[in-house]
Amino acid sequence: MALIALNVAMFLVELWIERRTNFPLEKYGALSLPGLRHGYVWQLLTYQLLHAGWIHLLLNCWGIFVFGPPLEATLGKSRLATLYFVSGIAGGLLQIWGSILSPMRFGGPVVGASAGVFGLIAAFTQLYPDARMTVLLFFVIPLRMTANRMLTLAGVLTVLGIMFPHWILGAHVAHAAHLGGLVAGLIFVRLFVRQFRT
């Protein structure tokens, strides 16, 4: 709940800054290759707390609400927060690496908690692989599957999004950040899985 509250509070601050001031929030807070080249390393954290609208915010908060509680029960509060933010940083770094290789495909400022949420999804699927889930494919088609299969589906859609960005959820989705978050979540659980299951 603290992560959800933090995201909502920061979104309200974001709206206030954009409507009431002339502060270039995107320049300093959104993640971008030019920003990192200027030394704005804090963007690897701040981009995770900014969102491109209410729907973007609600989708990410829903992901935290669904996957956060069971992970918190298993990992504890501090490890859950570490998993979330480390996944967000890893996702941001992969997105930036992509923008170095292909500015046209991966360039542009990035905002949102999705990489961190994808880290939570990956961790959940490893700790509860047989949990039954109902996934709304493209937010419309309900699919019933195990958590392990959900991870496979998320991975496939993310890779397809990188390869064909205009086909999967549109060109303005940071698919590389999602993939980085997934991989970071998997690595995080693999590093500590024995401790979590004892």
Foldseek 3Di string as FASTA:
>chain_A
DVVLVQLVVLAVVVVCCVVPHPDPCLLQQFQFLVNVVVVSVCNLQRLASYADDDVQSVVLSVLCVVLVPVCCVLPNDVVLVVLLSVQSSQLSVQLRVVCVVPVVQRGDTHHHSLSSSLLSLLLSCVVQVQCWDWDDQVVHRTDIDGSVVVLVVLLVLLVVCSVPVCPRPHRPDSSSSSNSSNVSSNVSCVVCVVVSVD
